[in-house]
């Protein structure tokens, strides 16, 4: 299997205001996933523009197509600003199984490692193995976290 770099993907910071984002948002909605709808709503309302320290929103492009999205926020479910949260990961069906999701989340992990003590996510059951392969550990008994990666000594 070839990696994302082998097939011409370009990763860069994203503003979800382009027609290419609209197409990806609609694809996710039709699959029954609402994370990109929430992302667009949060951006439009100003509730979440990924502007706090450490935050970022990334997109991967394949030519003119936006192939995937993943963000990093300060985790809104915890007090303080020492925990990050993987947000709004979605990869277009045409680009799955290429390593693109891994590339997006690894980019978020690399950034989170510079700004946070831990990185949380609340993943759907079908994504548990994906996050665990990336080094996240399962979390039991927390309402808004299924997996966590701890940075620093002992992490």
Protein backbone atom coordinates (compact mmCIF):
# COMPACT_ATOMS: atom_id res chain seq x y z
CA UNK A 1 0.00 0.00 0.00
CA UNK A 2 1.34 3.42 -0.86
CA UNK A 3 1.38 6.24 1.69
CA UNK A 4 -0.31 9.62 1.35
CA UNK A 5 2.87 11.32 0.16
CA UNK A 6 3.11 8.84 -2.70
CA UNK A 7 -0.26 9.86 -4.14
CA UNK A 8 0.03 13.63 -4.05
CA UNK A 9 -1.67 14.74 -0.83
CA UNK A 10 -0.93 18.21 0.51
CA UNK A 11 -1.61 18.93 4.18
CA UNK A 12 -2.15 22.52 5.26
CA UNK A 13 -4.08 24.66 7.70
CA UNK A 14 -7.75 24.94 6.76
CA UNK A 15 -10.53 27.49 6.92
CA UNK A 16 -13.83 25.65 6.38
CA UNK A 17 -15.26 28.32 4.09
CA UNK A 18 -14.38 26.88 0.67
CA UNK A 19 -16.65 25.01 -1.75
CA UNK A 20 -14.33 22.00 -1.37
CA UNK A 21 -15.16 21.92 2.36
CA UNK A 22 -18.87 22.13 1.54
CA UNK A 23 -18.58 19.01 -0.63
CA UNK A 24 -16.77 17.08 2.11
CA UNK A 25 -19.29 18.26 4.72
CA UNK A 26 -22.15 17.00 2.55
CA UNK A 27 -20.44 13.64 2.04
CA UNK A 28 -20.00 13.23 5.81
CA UNK A 29 -23.64 14.19 6.44
CA UNK A 30 -24.91 11.68 3.88
CA UNK A 31 -22.89 8.99 5.67
CA UNK A 32 -24.63 9.94 8.92
CA UNK A 33 -21.70 11.80 10.46
CA UNK A 34 -22.38 15.33 11.70
CA UNK A 35 -18.90 16.42 12.81
CA UNK A 36 -18.28 18.61 9.76
CA UNK A 37 -21.71 20.20 10.07
CA UNK A 38 -20.85 21.06 13.70
CA UNK A 39 -17.42 22.30 12.57
CA UNK A 40 -18.98 24.65 9.99
CA UNK A 41 -21.59 25.89 12.46
CA UNK A 42 -18.98 26.54 15.15
CA UNK A 43 -16.79 28.40 12.70
CA UNK A 44 -19.64 30.51 11.30
CA UNK A 45 -20.91 31.45 14.77
CA UNK A 46 -17.40 32.21 16.05
CA UNK A 47 -17.69 29.61 18.83
CA UNK A 48 -14.75 27.65 17.46
CA UNK A 49 -12.26 29.13 15.03
CA UNK A 50 -9.29 27.13 16.36
CA UNK A 51 -7.58 30.26 17.66
CA UNK A 52 -6.65 29.35 21.25
CA UNK A 53 -3.05 28.50 22.08
CA UNK A 54 -2.13 25.17 20.49
CA UNK A 55 -5.27 24.85 18.40
CA UNK A 56 -5.24 24.17 14.65
CA UNK A 57 -7.49 22.90 11.90
CA UNK A 58 -5.91 20.88 9.09
CA UNK A 59 -7.08 19.77 5.69
CA UNK A 60 -5.50 17.43 3.20
CA UNK A 61 -5.90 18.23 -0.45
CA UNK A 62 -5.66 15.93 -3.44
CA UNK A 63 -5.57 18.32 -6.37
CA UNK A 64 -8.65 20.54 -5.97
CA UNK A 65 -10.45 18.03 -3.74
CA UNK A 66 -10.44 18.33 0.01
CA UNK A 67 -9.78 14.71 0.97
CA UNK A 68 -9.77 14.93 4.77
CA UNK A 69 -10.06 17.16 7.82
CA UNK A 70 -8.85 16.98 11.42
CA UNK A 71 -8.64 19.59 14.16
CA UNK A 72 -7.03 20.15 17.53
CA UNK A 73 -8.78 22.13 20.25
CA UNK A 74 -8.24 22.83 23.90
CA UNK A 75 -10.54 20.15 25.36
CA UNK A 76 -13.78 21.97 26.25
CA UNK A 77 -14.89 19.18 28.59
CA UNK A 78 -12.08 19.82 31.11
CA UNK A 79 -11.15 22.86 33.15
CA UNK A 80 -7.82 24.40 32.39
CA UNK A 81 -5.94 24.35 29.12
CA UNK A 82 -3.56 21.44 29.59
CA UNK A 83 -5.60 18.87 27.62
CA UNK A 84 -6.07 18.91 23.88
CA UNK A 85 -8.82 17.19 21.93
CA UNK A 86 -8.84 15.59 18.47
CA UNK A 87 -11.81 17.13 16.67
CA UNK A 88 -13.80 16.54 13.50
CA UNK A 89 -11.69 13.81 11.88
CA UNK A 90 -13.22 12.82 8.57
CA UNK A 91 -11.70 11.35 5.41
CA UNK A 92 -13.59 11.15 2.13
CA UNK A 93 -14.57 7.60 1.14
CA UNK A 94 -12.46 7.93 -2.04
CA UNK A 95 -9.34 8.52 0.07
CA UNK A 96 -9.76 6.00 2.88
CA UNK A 97 -7.24 3.22 3.40
CA UNK A 98 -4.42 5.39 2.04
CA UNK A 99 -2.89 6.42 5.37
CA UNK A 100 -4.54 9.84 5.16
CA UNK A 101 -6.40 9.56 8.49
CA UNK A 102 -3.15 8.48 10.15
CA UNK A 103 -1.31 11.43 8.61
CA UNK A 104 -3.95 13.88 9.87
CA UNK A 105 -4.05 12.51 13.41
CA UNK A 106 -0.25 12.22 13.60
CA UNK A 107 -0.05 15.91 12.61
CA UNK A 108 -2.48 16.75 15.43
CA UNK A 109 -0.49 14.57 17.87
CA UNK A 110 2.77 16.33 16.93
CA UNK A 111 1.20 19.74 17.53
CA UNK A 112 -0.55 18.64 20.74
CA UNK A 113 2.72 17.30 22.14
CA UNK A 114 4.10 20.88 21.97
CA UNK A 115 1.17 22.48 23.83
CA UNK A 116 -0.69 19.97 26.01
CA UNK A 117 -0.05 17.36 28.71
CA UNK A 118 -2.62 14.98 27.21
CA UNK A 119 -4.70 14.51 24.07
CA UNK A 120 -8.28 13.20 24.29
CA UNK A 121 -10.80 11.97 21.79
CA UNK A 122 -14.31 10.55 21.80
CA UNK A 123 -14.27 8.08 18.95
CA UNK A 124 -17.03 5.92 17.55
CA UNK A 125 -16.63 2.21 18.29
CA UNK A 126 -15.50 1.48 14.71
CA UNK A 127 -12.51 3.84 15.18
CA UNK A 128 -11.23 2.40 18.48
CA UNK A 129 -8.62 0.16 16.84
CA UNK A 130 -7.41 3.03 14.63
CA UNK A 131 -6.71 5.27 17.65
CA UNK A 132 -5.16 2.43 19.62
CA UNK A 133 -2.75 1.67 16.74
CA UNK A 134 -1.67 5.33 16.94
CA UNK A 135 -0.83 4.97 20.63
CA UNK A 136 -4.01 6.21 22.32
CA UNK A 137 -5.12 4.22 25.36
CA UNK A 138 -8.76 3.37 26.07
CA UNK A 139 -10.44 5.39 28.83
CA UNK A 140 -13.24 3.84 30.85
CA UNK A 141 -15.80 5.77 32.87
CA UNK A 142 -15.39 9.26 31.41
CA UNK A 143 -18.44 10.55 29.60
CA UNK A 144 -16.67 12.58 26.91
CA UNK A 145 -13.47 10.57 26.37
CA UNK A 146 -12.98 7.13 24.85
CA UNK A 147 -9.21 7.40 24.32
CA UNK A 148 -6.28 9.45 25.66
CA UNK A 149 -2.63 9.94 24.88
CA UNK A 150 -0.45 11.30 27.68
CA UNK A 151 2.70 13.29 26.85
CA UNK A 152 5.84 13.86 28.86
CA UNK A 153 7.56 11.70 31.47
CA UNK A 154 5.86 8.40 31.98
CA UNK A 155 3.50 9.02 29.06
